[in-house]
Structure formats: C-alpha cells, structure tokens
PDB file of N, CA and C in Angstrom:
ATOM      1  N   MET A   1      -5.662  12.364 -11.557  1.00  0.00           N
ATOM      2  CA  MET A   1      -5.603  12.574 -10.115  1.00  0.00           C
ATOM      3  C   MET A   1      -5.177  14.003  -9.832  1.00  0.00           C
ATOM      4  N   SER A   2      -5.552  14.462  -8.668  1.00  0.00           N
ATOM      5  CA  SER A   2      -5.161  15.806  -8.270  1.00  0.00           C
ATOM      6  C   SER A   2      -4.953  15.819  -6.765  1.00  0.00           C
ATOM      7  N   PHE A   3      -4.714  16.991  -6.264  1.00  0.00           N
ATOM      8  CA  PHE A   3      -4.657  17.178  -4.830  1.00  0.00           C
ATOM      9  C   PHE A   3      -6.029  17.658  -4.381  1.00  0.00           C
ATOM     10  N   ILE A   4      -6.380  17.339  -3.132  1.00  0.00           N
ATOM     11  CA  ILE A   4      -7.700  17.617  -2.576  1.00  0.00           C
ATOM     12  C   ILE A   4      -7.519  18.287  -1.219  1.00  0.00           C
ATOM     13  N   ILE A   5      -8.340  19.288  -0.943  1.00  0.00           N
ATOM     14  CA  ILE A   5      -8.330  19.902   0.382  1.00  0.00           C
ATOM     15  C   ILE A   5      -9.407  19.227   1.217  1.00  0.00           C
ATOM     16  N   SER A   6      -8.999  18.719   2.356  1.00  0.00           N
ATOM     17  CA  SER A   6      -9.910  17.980   3.232  1.00  0.00           C
ATOM     18  C   SER A   6     -10.567  18.903   4.254  1.00  0.00           C
ATOM     19  N   ARG A   7     -11.456  18.325   5.018  1.00  0.00           N
ATOM     20  CA  ARG A   7     -12.169  19.042   6.079  1.00  0.00           C
ATOM     21  C   ARG A   7     -11.238  19.567   7.166  1.00  0.00           C
ATOM     22  N   LEU A   8      -9.989  19.131   7.181  1.00  0.00           N
ATOM     23  CA  LEU A   8      -9.042  19.665   8.156  1.00  0.00           C
ATOM     24  C   LEU A   8      -8.805  21.161   7.957  1.00  0.00           C
ATOM     25  N   CYS A   9      -9.208  21.689   6.813  1.00  0.00           N
ATOM     26  CA  CYS A   9      -9.098  23.121   6.511  1.00  0.00           C
ATOM     27  C   CYS A   9     -10.265  23.922   7.078  1.00  0.00           C
ATOM     28  N   ARG A  10     -11.351  23.269   7.421  1.00  0.00           N
ATOM     29  CA  ARG A  10     -12.573  23.982   7.826  1.00  0.00           C
ATOM     30  C   ARG A  10     -12.323  24.917   9.005  1.00  0.00           C
ATOM     31  N   ASP A  11     -12.710  26.144   8.791  1.00  0.00           N
ATOM     32  CA  ASP A  11     -12.577  27.216   9.771  1.00  0.00           C
ATOM     33  C   ASP A  11     -11.135  27.550  10.130  1.00  0.00           C
ATOM     34  N   CYS A  12     -10.173  26.913   9.485  1.00  0.00           N
ATOM     35  CA  CYS A  12      -8.755  27.253   9.666  1.00  0.00           C
ATOM     36  C   CYS A  12      -8.318  28.176   8.529  1.00  0.00           C
ATOM     37  N   VAL A  13      -8.570  27.771   7.307  1.00  0.00           N
ATOM     38  CA  VAL A  13      -8.422  28.535   6.081  1.00  0.00           C
ATOM     39  C   VAL A  13      -7.131  29.355   6.021  1.00  0.00           C
ATOM     40  N   ASP A  14      -6.008  28.707   6.236  1.00  0.00           N
ATOM     41  CA  ASP A  14      -4.717  29.364   6.007  1.00  0.00           C
ATOM     42  C   ASP A  14      -4.456  29.318   4.504  1.00  0.00           C
ATOM     43  N   THR A  15      -4.026  30.396   3.925  1.00  0.00           N
ATOM     44  CA  THR A  15      -3.894  30.470   2.472  1.00  0.00           C
ATOM     45  C   THR A  15      -2.452  30.320   1.980  1.00  0.00           C
ATOM     46  N   GLY A  16      -1.599  29.712   2.774  1.00  0.00           N
ATOM     47  CA  GLY A  16      -0.235  29.478   2.317  1.00  0.00           C
ATOM     48  C   GLY A  16      -0.198  28.683   1.029  1.00  0.00           C
ATOM     49  N   CYS A  17      -1.150  27.782   0.867  1.00  0.00           N
ATOM     50  CA  CYS A  17      -1.224  26.959  -0.344  1.00  0.00           C
ATOM     51  C   CYS A  17      -1.511  27.804  -1.581  1.00  0.00           C
ATOM     52  N   VAL A  18      -2.283  28.856  -1.409  1.00  0.00           N
ATOM     53  CA  VAL A  18      -2.671  29.718  -2.525  1.00  0.00           C
ATOM     54  C   VAL A  18      -1.445  30.405  -3.121  1.00  0.00           C
ATOM     55  N   SER A  19      -0.528  30.811  -2.265  1.00  0.00           N
ATOM     56  CA  SER A  19       0.627  31.582  -2.727  1.00  0.00           C
ATOM     57  C   SER A  19       1.567  30.780  -3.613  1.00  0.00           C
ATOM     58  N   VAL A  20       1.501  29.456  -3.556  1.00  0.00           N
ATOM     59  CA  VAL A  20       2.429  28.634  -4.347  1.00  0.00           C
ATOM     60  C   VAL A  20       1.770  27.921  -5.517  1.00  0.00           C
ATOM     61  N   CYS A  21       0.459  28.032  -5.652  1.00  0.00           N
ATOM     62  CA  CYS A  21      -0.238  27.328  -6.730  1.00  0.00           C
ATOM     63  C   CYS A  21       0.048  28.021  -8.067  1.00  0.00           C
ATOM     64  N   PRO A  22       0.690  27.314  -8.998  1.00  0.00           N
ATOM     65  CA  PRO A  22       1.050  27.946 -10.270  1.00  0.00           C
ATOM     66  C   PRO A  22      -0.120  28.124 -11.240  1.00  0.00           C
ATOM     67  N   VAL A  23      -1.264  27.486 -10.970  1.00  0.00           N
ATOM     68  CA  VAL A  23      -2.398  27.563 -11.902  1.00  0.00           C
ATOM     69  C   VAL A  23      -3.663  28.151 -11.270  1.00  0.00           C
ATOM     70  N   ASP A  24      -3.562  28.694 -10.086  1.00  0.00           N
ATOM     71  CA  ASP A  24      -4.705  29.327  -9.410  1.00  0.00           C
ATOM     72  C   ASP A  24      -5.935  28.428  -9.381  1.00  0.00           C
ATOM     73  N   CYS A  25      -5.766  27.194  -8.906  1.00  0.00           N
ATOM     74  CA  CYS A  25      -6.897  26.262  -8.848  1.00  0.00           C
ATOM     75  C   CYS A  25      -7.454  26.098  -7.439  1.00  0.00           C
ATOM     76  N   ILE A  26      -7.041  26.963  -6.511  1.00  0.00           N
ATOM     77  CA  ILE A  26      -7.529  26.891  -5.137  1.00  0.00           C
ATOM     78  C   ILE A  26      -8.555  28.001  -4.945  1.00  0.00           C
ATOM     79  N   TYR A  27      -9.742  27.599  -4.542  1.00  0.00           N
ATOM     80  CA  TYR A  27     -10.887  28.500  -4.507  1.00  0.00           C
ATOM     81  C   TYR A  27     -11.471  28.660  -3.109  1.00  0.00           C
ATOM     82  N   ALA A  28     -12.126  29.796  -2.926  1.00  0.00           N
ATOM     83  CA  ALA A  28     -12.943  30.069  -1.743  1.00  0.00           C
ATOM     84  C   ALA A  28     -14.398  30.113  -2.205  1.00  0.00           C
ATOM     85  N   TYR A  29     -15.291  29.606  -1.397  1.00  0.00           N
ATOM     86  CA  TYR A  29     -16.717  29.598  -1.726  1.00  0.00           C
ATOM     87  C   TYR A  29     -17.315  30.963  -1.412  1.00  0.00           C
ATOM     88  N   THR A  30     -18.085  31.504  -2.331  1.00  0.00           N
ATOM     89  CA  THR A  30     -18.716  32.810  -2.143  1.00  0.00           C
ATOM     90  C   THR A  30     -20.243  32.732  -2.179  1.00  0.00           C
ATOM     91  N   GLY A  31     -20.773  31.537  -2.335  1.00  0.00           N
ATOM     92  CA  GLY A  31     -22.213  31.358  -2.416  1.00  0.00           C
ATOM     93  C   GLY A  31     -22.875  31.323  -1.049  1.00  0.00           C
ATOM     94  N   ALA A  32     -24.171  31.031  -1.046  1.00  0.00           N
ATOM     95  CA  ALA A  32     -24.971  31.045   0.179  1.00  0.00           C
ATOM     96  C   ALA A  32     -25.173  29.665   0.799  1.00  0.00           C
ATOM     97  N   ASP A  33     -24.855  28.598   0.084  1.00  0.00           N
ATOM     98  CA  ASP A  33     -25.109  27.240   0.564  1.00  0.00           C
ATOM     99  C   ASP A  33     -23.947  26.728   1.422  1.00  0.00           C
ATOM    100  N   THR A  34     -23.797  27.327   2.596  1.00  0.00           N
ATOM    101  CA  THR A  34     -22.675  26.945   3.459  1.00  0.00           C
ATOM    102  C   THR A  34     -22.881  25.582   4.131  1.00  0.00           C
ATOM    103  N   ALA A  35     -24.067  25.029   4.042  1.00  0.00           N
ATOM    104  CA  ALA A  35     -24.280  23.671   4.545  1.00  0.00           C
ATOM    105  C   ALA A  35     -23.591  22.673   3.613  1.00  0.00           C
ATOM    106  N   THR A  36     -23.620  22.959   2.317  1.00  0.00           N
ATOM    107  CA  THR A  36     -22.959  22.087   1.349  1.00  0.00           C
ATOM    108  C   THR A  36     -21.482  22.405   1.235  1.00  0.00           C
ATOM    109  N   PHE A  37     -21.150  23.683   1.206  1.00  0.00           N
ATOM    110  CA  PHE A  37     -19.772  24.121   1.052  1.00  0.00           C
ATOM    111  C   PHE A  37     -19.329  24.895   2.290  1.00  0.00           C
ATOM    112  N   PRO A  38     -18.817  24.191   3.298  1.00  0.00           N
ATOM    113  CA  PRO A  38     -18.394  24.842   4.547  1.00  0.00           C
ATOM    114  C   PRO A  38     -17.215  25.798   4.333  1.00  0.00           C
ATOM    115  N   ASN A  39     -16.910  26.543   5.367  1.00  0.00           N
ATOM    116  CA  ASN A  39     -15.829  27.525   5.360  1.00  0.00           C
ATOM    117  C   ASN A  39     -14.463  26.839   5.311  1.00  0.00           C
ATOM    118  N   GLN A  40     -13.988  26.635   4.101  1.00  0.00           N
ATOM    119  CA  GLN A  40     -12.669  26.070   3.875  1.00  0.00           C
ATOM    120  C   GLN A  40     -12.262  26.430   2.458  1.00  0.00           C
ATOM    121  N   LEU A  41     -11.060  26.091   2.078  1.00  0.00           N
ATOM    122  CA  LEU A  41     -10.621  26.263   0.703  1.00  0.00           C
ATOM    123  C   LEU A  41     -10.889  24.974  -0.053  1.00  0.00           C
ATOM    124  N   TYR A  42     -10.949  25.082  -1.380  1.00  0.00           N
ATOM    125  CA  TYR A  42     -11.235  23.939  -2.242  1.00  0.00           C
ATOM    126  C   TYR A  42     -10.294  23.964  -3.441  1.00  0.00           C
ATOM    127  N   ILE A  43      -9.884  22.800  -3.884  1.00  0.00           N
ATOM    128  CA  ILE A  43      -9.113  22.683  -5.119  1.00  0.00           C
ATOM    129  C   ILE A  43     -10.068  22.212  -6.208  1.00  0.00           C
ATOM    130  N   ASN A  44     -10.008  22.872  -7.353  1.00  0.00           N
ATOM    131  CA  ASN A  44     -10.777  22.405  -8.502  1.00  0.00           C
ATOM    132  C   ASN A  44      -9.920  21.338  -9.181  1.00  0.00           C
ATOM    133  N   PRO A  45     -10.261  20.053  -9.009  1.00  0.00           N
ATOM    134  CA  PRO A  45      -9.443  18.977  -9.560  1.00  0.00           C
ATOM    135  C   PRO A  45      -9.300  19.027 -11.083  1.00  0.00           C
ATOM    136  N   ASP A  46     -10.260  19.649 -11.764  1.00  0.00           N
ATOM    137  CA  ASP A  46     -10.171  19.758 -13.220  1.00  0.00           C
ATOM    138  C   ASP A  46      -9.089  20.740 -13.655  1.00  0.00           C
ATOM    139  N   GLU A  47      -8.667  21.607 -12.762  1.00  0.00           N
ATOM    140  CA  GLU A  47      -7.636  22.592 -13.069  1.00  0.00           C
ATOM    141  C   GLU A  47      -6.284  22.243 -12.456  1.00  0.00           C
ATOM    142  N   CYS A  48      -6.288  21.415 -11.425  1.00  0.00           N
ATOM    143  CA  CYS A  48      -5.053  21.050 -10.723  1.00  0.00           C
ATOM    144  C   CYS A  48      -4.122  20.286 -11.666  1.00  0.00           C
ATOM    145  N   ILE A  49      -2.853  20.677 -11.683  1.00  0.00           N
ATOM    146  CA  ILE A  49      -1.871  20.001 -12.549  1.00  0.00           C
ATOM    147  C   ILE A  49      -1.059  18.973 -11.780  1.00  0.00           C
ATOM    148  N   ASP A  50      -1.459  18.695 -10.538  1.00  0.00           N
ATOM    149  CA  ASP A  50      -0.837  17.648  -9.731  1.00  0.00           C
ATOM    150  C   ASP A  50       0.637  17.931  -9.441  1.00  0.00           C
ATOM    151  N   CYS A  51       0.978  19.207  -9.290  1.00  0.00           N
ATOM    152  CA  CYS A  51       2.377  19.560  -9.031  1.00  0.00           C
ATOM    153  C   CYS A  51       2.776  19.306  -7.584  1.00  0.00           C
ATOM    154  N   GLY A  52       1.804  19.351  -6.667  1.00  0.00           N
ATOM    155  CA  GLY A  52       2.079  19.077  -5.265  1.00  0.00           C
ATOM    156  C   GLY A  52       2.655  20.236  -4.482  1.00  0.00           C
ATOM    157  N   ALA A  53       2.773  21.410  -5.088  1.00  0.00           N
ATOM    158  CA  ALA A  53       3.359  22.556  -4.393  1.00  0.00           C
ATOM    159  C   ALA A  53       2.546  22.973  -3.171  1.00  0.00           C
ATOM    160  N   CYS A  54       1.232  22.787  -3.225  1.00  0.00           N
ATOM    161  CA  CYS A  54       0.350  23.231  -2.147  1.00  0.00           C
ATOM    162  C   CYS A  54       0.468  22.393  -0.876  1.00  0.00           C
ATOM    163  N   GLU A  55       0.676  21.115  -1.042  1.00  0.00           N
ATOM    164  CA  GLU A  55       0.619  20.200   0.108  1.00  0.00           C
ATOM    165  C   GLU A  55       1.553  20.590   1.250  1.00  0.00           C
ATOM    166  N   PRO A  56       2.843  20.807   1.001  1.00  0.00           N
ATOM    167  CA  PRO A  56       3.723  21.138   2.133  1.00  0.00           C
ATOM    168  C   PRO A  56       3.504  22.549   2.692  1.00  0.00           C
ATOM    169  N   GLU A  57       2.791  23.396   1.965  1.00  0.00           N
ATOM    170  CA  GLU A  57       2.544  24.763   2.424  1.00  0.00           C
ATOM    171  C   GLU A  57       1.361  24.873   3.369  1.00  0.00           C
ATOM    172  N   CYS A  58       0.570  23.814   3.488  1.00  0.00           N
ATOM    173  CA  CYS A  58      -0.602  23.843   4.365  1.00  0.00           C
ATOM    174  C   CYS A  58      -0.181  23.524   5.803  1.00  0.00           C
ATOM    175  N   PRO A  59      -0.225  24.515   6.701  1.00  0.00           N
ATOM    176  CA  PRO A  59       0.200  24.256   8.077  1.00  0.00           C
ATOM    177  C   PRO A  59      -0.770  23.359   8.838  1.00  0.00           C
ATOM    178  N   TRP A  60      -1.995  23.178   8.304  1.00  0.00           N
ATOM    179  CA  TRP A  60      -2.996  22.346   8.966  1.00  0.00           C
ATOM    180  C   TRP A  60      -2.981  20.905   8.457  1.00  0.00           C
ATOM    181  N   ARG A  61      -2.081  20.614   7.536  1.00  0.00           N
ATOM    182  CA  ARG A  61      -1.957  19.265   6.944  1.00  0.00           C
ATOM    183  C   ARG A  61      -3.287  18.804   6.367  1.00  0.00           C
ATOM    184  N   ALA A  62      -3.980  19.720   5.703  1.00  0.00           N
ATOM    185  CA  ALA A  62      -5.320  19.455   5.186  1.00  0.00           C
ATOM    186  C   ALA A  62      -5.334  19.012   3.722  1.00  0.00           C
ATOM    187  N   ILE A  63      -4.197  19.060   3.043  1.00  0.00           N
ATOM    188  CA  ILE A  63      -4.157  18.758   1.615  1.00  0.00           C
ATOM    189  C   ILE A  63      -3.532  17.381   1.407  1.00  0.00           C
ATOM    190  N   PHE A  64      -4.236  16.586   0.603  1.00  0.00           N
ATOM    191  CA  PHE A  64      -3.783  15.227   0.323  1.00  0.00           C
ATOM    192  C   PHE A  64      -3.829  14.977  -1.174  1.00  0.00           C
ATOM    193  N   GLU A  65      -2.922  14.145  -1.641  1.00  0.00           N
ATOM    194  CA  GLU A  65      -3.055  13.644  -3.001  1.00  0.00           C
ATOM    195  C   GLU A  65      -4.329  12.798  -2.996  1.00  0.00           C
ATOM    196  N   GLU A  66      -5.099  12.882  -4.052  1.00  0.00           N
ATOM    197  CA  GLU A  66      -6.401  12.208  -4.078  1.00  0.00           C
ATOM    198  C   GLU A  66      -6.291  10.730  -3.694  1.00  0.00           C
ATOM    199  N   ILE A  67      -5.306  10.049  -4.205  1.00  0.00           N
ATOM    200  CA  ILE A  67      -5.170   8.609  -3.915  1.00  0.00           C
ATOM    201  C   ILE A  67      -4.688   8.337  -2.492  1.00  0.00           C
ATOM    202  N   ALA A  68      -4.238   9.368  -1.784  1.00  0.00           N
ATOM    203  CA  ALA A  68      -3.743   9.195  -0.417  1.00  0.00           C
ATOM    204  C   ALA A  68      -4.699   9.766   0.629  1.00  0.00           C
ATOM    205  N   MET A  69      -5.893  10.177   0.201  1.00  0.00           N
ATOM    206  CA  MET A  69      -6.873  10.746   1.135  1.00  0.00           C
ATOM    207  C   MET A  69      -7.249   9.694   2.175  1.00  0.00           C
ATOM    208  N   PRO A  70      -7.213  10.045   3.469  1.00  0.00           N
ATOM    209  CA  PRO A  70      -7.658   9.085   4.483  1.00  0.00           C
ATOM    210  C   PRO A  70      -9.102   8.662   4.176  1.00  0.00           C
ATOM    211  N   PRO A  71      -9.401   7.374   4.244  1.00  0.00           N
ATOM    212  CA  PRO A  71     -10.738   6.883   3.893  1.00  0.00           C
ATOM    213  C   PRO A  71     -11.880   7.613   4.594  1.00  0.00           C
ATOM    214  N   LYS A  72     -11.677   8.045   5.834  1.00  0.00           N
ATOM    215  CA  LYS A  72     -12.767   8.731   6.538  1.00  0.00           C
ATOM    216  C   LYS A  72     -13.063  10.107   5.958  1.00  0.00           C
ATOM    217  N   PHE A  73     -12.200  10.584   5.046  1.00  0.00           N
ATOM    218  CA  PHE A  73     -12.406  11.879   4.393  1.00  0.00           C
ATOM    219  C   PHE A  73     -12.785  11.729   2.920  1.00  0.00           C
ATOM    220  N   ASP A  74     -13.198  10.548   2.518  1.00  0.00           N
ATOM    221  CA  ASP A  74     -13.544  10.312   1.105  1.00  0.00           C
ATOM    222  C   ASP A  74     -14.603  11.291   0.588  1.00  0.00           C
ATOM    223  N   ASP A  75     -15.521  11.731   1.439  1.00  0.00           N
ATOM    224  CA  ASP A  75     -16.548  12.691   1.016  1.00  0.00           C
ATOM    225  C   ASP A  75     -15.927  14.008   0.551  1.00  0.00           C
ATOM    226  N   ASP A  76     -14.754  14.325   1.071  1.00  0.00           N
ATOM    227  CA  ASP A  76     -14.092  15.571   0.699  1.00  0.00           C
ATOM    228  C   ASP A  76     -13.610  15.541  -0.757  1.00  0.00           C
ATOM    229  N   ILE A  77     -13.344  14.370  -1.275  1.00  0.00           N
ATOM    230  CA  ILE A  77     -12.946  14.252  -2.681  1.00  0.00           C
ATOM    231  C   ILE A  77     -14.097  14.721  -3.563  1.00  0.00           C
ATOM    232  N   ALA A  78     -15.277  14.163  -3.333  1.00  0.00           N
ATOM    233  CA  ALA A  78     -16.458  14.556  -4.119  1.00  0.00           C
ATOM    234  C   ALA A  78     -16.783  16.029  -3.946  1.00  0.00           C
ATOM    235  N   LEU A  79     -16.601  16.546  -2.737  1.00  0.00           N
ATOM    236  CA  LEU A  79     -16.893  17.957  -2.479  1.00  0.00           C
ATOM    237  C   LEU A  79     -15.979  18.856  -3.311  1.00  0.00           C
ATOM    238  N   ASN A  80     -14.700  18.527  -3.401  1.00  0.00           N
ATOM    239  CA  ASN A  80     -13.791  19.326  -4.218  1.00  0.00           C
ATOM    240  C   ASN A  80     -14.152  19.227  -5.693  1.00  0.00           C
ATOM    241  N   TYR A  81     -14.585  18.070  -6.145  1.00  0.00           N
ATOM    242  CA  TYR A  81     -14.993  17.929  -7.542  1.00  0.00           C
ATOM    243  C   TYR A  81     -16.239  18.760  -7.861  1.00  0.00           C
ATOM    244  N   ARG A  82     -17.061  19.039  -6.866  1.00  0.00           N
ATOM    245  CA  ARG A  82     -18.267  19.840  -7.095  1.00  0.00           C
ATOM    246  C   ARG A  82     -17.947  21.302  -7.385  1.00  0.00           C
ATOM    247  N   VAL A  83     -16.737  21.732  -7.074  1.00  0.00           N
ATOM    248  CA  VAL A  83     -16.335  23.111  -7.372  1.00  0.00           C
ATOM    249  C   VAL A  83     -16.538  23.402  -8.861  1.00  0.00           C
ATOM    250  N   GLY A  84     -16.113  22.493  -9.715  1.00  0.00           N
ATOM    251  CA  GLY A  84     -16.241  22.681 -11.154  1.00  0.00           C
ATOM    252  C   GLY A  84     -17.685  22.788 -11.615  1.00  0.00           C
ATOM    253  N   GLU A  85     -18.593  22.144 -10.891  1.00  0.00           N
ATOM    254  CA  GLU A  85     -20.016  22.180 -11.242  1.00  0.00           C
ATOM    255  C   GLU A  85     -20.673  23.499 -10.835  1.00  0.00           C
ATOM    256  N   LYS A  86     -20.107  24.173  -9.850  1.00  0.00           N
ATOM    257  CA  LYS A  86     -20.702  25.402  -9.296  1.00  0.00           C
ATOM    258  C   LYS A  86     -19.700  26.553  -9.339  1.00  0.00           C
ATOM    259  N   LEU A  87     -18.834  26.574 -10.327  1.00  0.00           N
ATOM    260  CA  LEU A  87     -17.733  27.533 -10.374  1.00  0.00           C
ATOM    261  C   LEU A  87     -18.185  28.986 -10.224  1.00  0.00           C
ATOM    262  N   GLU A  88     -19.417  29.290 -10.633  1.00  0.00           N
ATOM    263  CA  GLU A  88     -19.916  30.660 -10.500  1.00  0.00           C
ATOM    264  C   GLU A  88     -20.048  31.095  -9.041  1.00  0.00           C
ATOM    265  N   ASP A  89     -20.054  30.124  -8.101  1.00  0.00           N
ATOM    266  CA  ASP A  89     -20.156  30.428  -6.677  1.00  0.00           C
ATOM    267  C   ASP A  89     -18.810  30.402  -5.960  1.00  0.00           C
ATOM    268  N   PHE A  90     -17.735  30.387  -6.727  1.00  0.00           N
ATOM    269  CA  PHE A  90     -16.390  30.347  -6.166  1.00  0.00           C
ATOM    270  C   PHE A  90     -15.542  31.448  -6.784  1.00  0.00           C
ATOM    271  N   GLU A  91     -14.508  31.828  -6.055  1.00  0.00           N
ATOM    272  CA  GLU A  91     -13.506  32.728  -6.624  1.00  0.00           C
ATOM    273  C   GLU A  91     -12.132  32.215  -6.212  1.00  0.00           C
ATOM    274  N   VAL A  92     -11.149  32.494  -7.051  1.00  0.00           N
ATOM    275  CA  VAL A  92      -9.794  32.094  -6.707  1.00  0.00           C
ATOM    276  C   VAL A  92      -9.458  32.747  -5.373  1.00  0.00           C
ATOM    277  N   ALA A  93      -9.004  31.951  -4.438  1.00  0.00           N
ATOM    278  CA  ALA A  93      -8.701  32.461  -3.101  1.00  0.00           C
ATOM    279  C   ALA A  93      -7.517  33.420  -3.157  1.00  0.00           C
ATOM    280  N   GLU A  94      -7.566  34.426  -2.316  1.00  0.00           N
ATOM    281  CA  GLU A  94      -6.464  35.372  -2.203  1.00  0.00           C
ATOM    282  C   GLU A  94      -5.557  34.929  -1.074  1.00  0.00           C
ATOM    283  N   HIS A  95      -4.270  35.176  -1.262  1.00  0.00           N
ATOM    284  CA  HIS A  95      -3.307  34.833  -0.211  1.00  0.00           C
ATOM    285  C   HIS A  95      -3.363  35.897   0.886  1.00  0.00           C
ATOM    286  N   ALA A  96      -3.782  35.481   2.053  1.00  0.00           N
ATOM    287  CA  ALA A  96      -3.850  36.353   3.226  1.00  0.00           C
ATOM    288  C   ALA A  96      -3.492  35.504   4.437  1.00  0.00           C
ATOM    289  N   PRO A  97      -2.207  35.438   4.780  1.00  0.00           N
ATOM    290  CA  PRO A  97      -1.753  34.552   5.866  1.00  0.00           C
ATOM    291  C   PRO A  97      -2.527  34.766   7.160  1.00  0.00           C
ATOM    292  N   LYS A  98      -2.861  33.654   7.794  1.00  0.00           N
ATOM    293  CA  LYS A  98      -3.601  33.707   9.057  1.00  0.00           C
ATOM    294  C   LYS A  98      -2.701  33.427  10.245  1.00  0.00           C
ATOM    295  N   GLY A  99      -1.875  32.414  10.127  1.00  0.00           N
ATOM    296  CA  GLY A  99      -1.067  32.013  11.271  1.00  0.00           C
ATOM    297  C   GLY A  99      -1.896  31.225  12.269  1.00  0.00           C
ATOM    298  N   GLY A 100      -1.303  30.877  13.367  1.00  0.00           N
ATOM    299  CA  GLY A 100      -2.025  30.200  14.435  1.00  0.00           C
ATOM    300  C   GLY A 100      -1.994  28.684  14.380  1.00  0.00           C
ATOM    301  N   ALA A 101      -1.304  28.101  13.418  1.00  0.00           N
ATOM    302  CA  ALA A 101      -1.267  26.643  13.297  1.00  0.00           C
ATOM    303  C   ALA A 101      -0.078  26.081  14.066  1.00  0.00           C
ATOM    304  N   THR A 102      -0.221  26.036  15.382  1.00  0.00           N
ATOM    305  CA  THR A 102       0.822  25.410  16.191  1.00  0.00           C
ATOM    306  C   THR A 102       0.656  23.892  16.112  1.00  0.00           C
ATOM    307  N   LEU A 103       1.683  23.161  16.435  1.00  0.00           N
ATOM    308  CA  LEU A 103       1.608  21.702  16.413  1.00  0.00           C
ATOM    309  C   LEU A 103       0.468  21.206  17.297  1.00  0.00           C
ATOM    310  N   GLU A 104       0.302  21.810  18.439  1.00  0.00           N
ATOM    311  CA  GLU A 104      -0.777  21.412  19.352  1.00  0.00           C
ATOM    312  C   GLU A 104      -2.152  21.645  18.726  1.00  0.00           C
ATOM    313  N   ARG A 105      -2.354  22.794  18.089  1.00  0.00           N
ATOM    314  CA  ARG A 105      -3.647  23.095  17.459  1.00  0.00           C
ATOM    315  C   ARG A 105      -3.905  22.210  16.250  1.00  0.00           C
ATOM    316  N   VAL A 106      -2.862  21.885  15.497  1.00  0.00           N
ATOM    317  CA  VAL A 106      -3.009  20.990  14.342  1.00  0.00           C
ATOM    318  C   VAL A 106      -3.446  19.610  14.825  1.00  0.00           C
ATOM    319  N   ARG A 107      -2.805  19.109  15.850  1.00  0.00           N
ATOM    320  CA  ARG A 107      -3.173  17.790  16.387  1.00  0.00           C
ATOM    321  C   ARG A 107      -4.580  17.796  16.968  1.00  0.00           C
ATOM    322  N   GLU A 108      -4.942  18.871  17.635  1.00  0.00           N
ATOM    323  CA  GLU A 108      -6.305  18.997  18.171  1.00  0.00           C
ATOM    324  C   GLU A 108      -7.328  18.987  17.031  1.00  0.00           C
ATOM    325  N   ASN A 109      -7.040  19.672  15.948  1.00  0.00           N
ATOM    326  CA  ASN A 109      -7.921  19.706  14.784  1.00  0.00           C
ATOM    327  C   ASN A 109      -8.044  18.315  14.151  1.00  0.00           C
ATOM    328  N   GLU A 110      -6.941  17.602  14.063  1.00  0.00           N
ATOM    329  CA  GLU A 110      -6.987  16.241  13.512  1.00  0.00           C
ATOM    330  C   GLU A 110      -7.863  15.333  14.366  1.00  0.00           C
ATOM    331  N   ARG A 111      -7.719  15.436  15.670  1.00  0.00           N
ATOM    332  CA  ARG A 111      -8.555  14.627  16.574  1.00  0.00           C
ATOM    333  C   ARG A 111     -10.027  15.010  16.436  1.00  0.00           C
ATOM    334  N   LYS A 112     -10.303  16.306  16.283  1.00  0.00           N
ATOM    335  CA  LYS A 112     -11.678  16.795  16.128  1.00  0.00           C
ATOM    336  C   LYS A 112     -12.381  16.088  14.953  1.00  0.00           C
ATOM    337  N   TRP A 113     -11.637  15.834  13.869  1.00  0.00           N
ATOM    338  CA  TRP A 113     -12.199  15.211  12.692  1.00  0.00           C
ATOM    339  C   TRP A 113     -11.965  13.697  12.654  1.00  0.00           C
ATOM    340  N   GLY A 114     -11.517  13.131  13.775  1.00  0.00           N
ATOM    341  CA  GLY A 114     -11.392  11.675  13.881  1.00  0.00           C
ATOM    342  C   GLY A 114     -10.174  11.094  13.216  1.00  0.00           C
ATOM    343  N   LEU A 115      -9.161  11.912  13.018  1.00  0.00           N
ATOM    344  CA  LEU A 115      -7.928  11.437  12.397  1.00  0.00           C
ATOM    345  C   LEU A 115      -6.860  11.355  13.460  1.00  0.00           C
ATOM    346  N   GLU A 116      -6.221  10.233  13.554  1.00  0.00           N
ATOM    347  CA  GLU A 116      -5.122  10.123  14.507  1.00  0.00           C
ATOM    348  C   GLU A 116      -4.010  11.044  14.055  1.00  0.00           C
ATOM    349  N   PRO A 117      -3.499  11.886  14.955  1.00  0.00           N
ATOM    350  CA  PRO A 117      -2.428  12.796  14.562  1.00  0.00           C
ATOM    351  C   PRO A 117      -1.252  12.055  13.957  1.00  0.00           C
ATOM    352  N   LEU A 118      -0.710  12.659  12.890  1.00  0.00           N
ATOM    353  CA  LEU A 118       0.431  12.059  12.193  1.00  0.00           C
ATOM    354  C   LEU A 118       1.703  12.259  12.965  1.00  0.00           C
TER     355      LEU A 118
END
C-alpha cells in the first residue's frame, strides 16, 4: 500500500508534500497527454515507502492512504499507478509553494469533485 494523490490536487498543485517526501516519489507530469494525466501531482506507488509525511502537508487534503481513498476517487488510485508505466513522461516535482488554500477554497474544491467537506 502507499499514499495516493487524488483529483482534489487538480489545478491546485501545492507542493508542500514534495518538501517532506524522503524518497522523492512525488511527480509532475511533463508529457503531452493531459487528457489522461491532468494538471496535478502524482505519487509513484512503487517508490512510496508509506511513511505518511506527505498527507498532513497537503493544504488541499488531496492525499489519502490507498486503503482510505474515498470510493468516488478510486480511479485516482489507478492513475497514480500509471506513473510507473510512463515514468519517462514525469519528473520529480520541485517544491515551489503556491499558497491560496483557505478553508473556504478547500471546501469549495471538495464540493466541486463531489466529496462532502470533511
């Protein structure tokens, strides 16, 4: 099992999680197939050591332990696993803080993706 970045990261892409990952398993997509790999960060589950350091650092609450992924986001599990299959189209994400994740915006983002705010 590993941690997975869900669609709650899409177009938010705060890299706080990158700064704490001890094994650099959080990637940004650099390829052209943005229909398959939208603008978000991805964890390569084959490299993740399941330390959990990334989860509390995500201000968008987009990172879940694989077994705790909300069922409506199950497709995001497979999407993160595809990183390993297309690694040549990814690069380790760089830490570049974005900010802007207020409680109101986080809840709005959760509603946008059909998740009841936590």
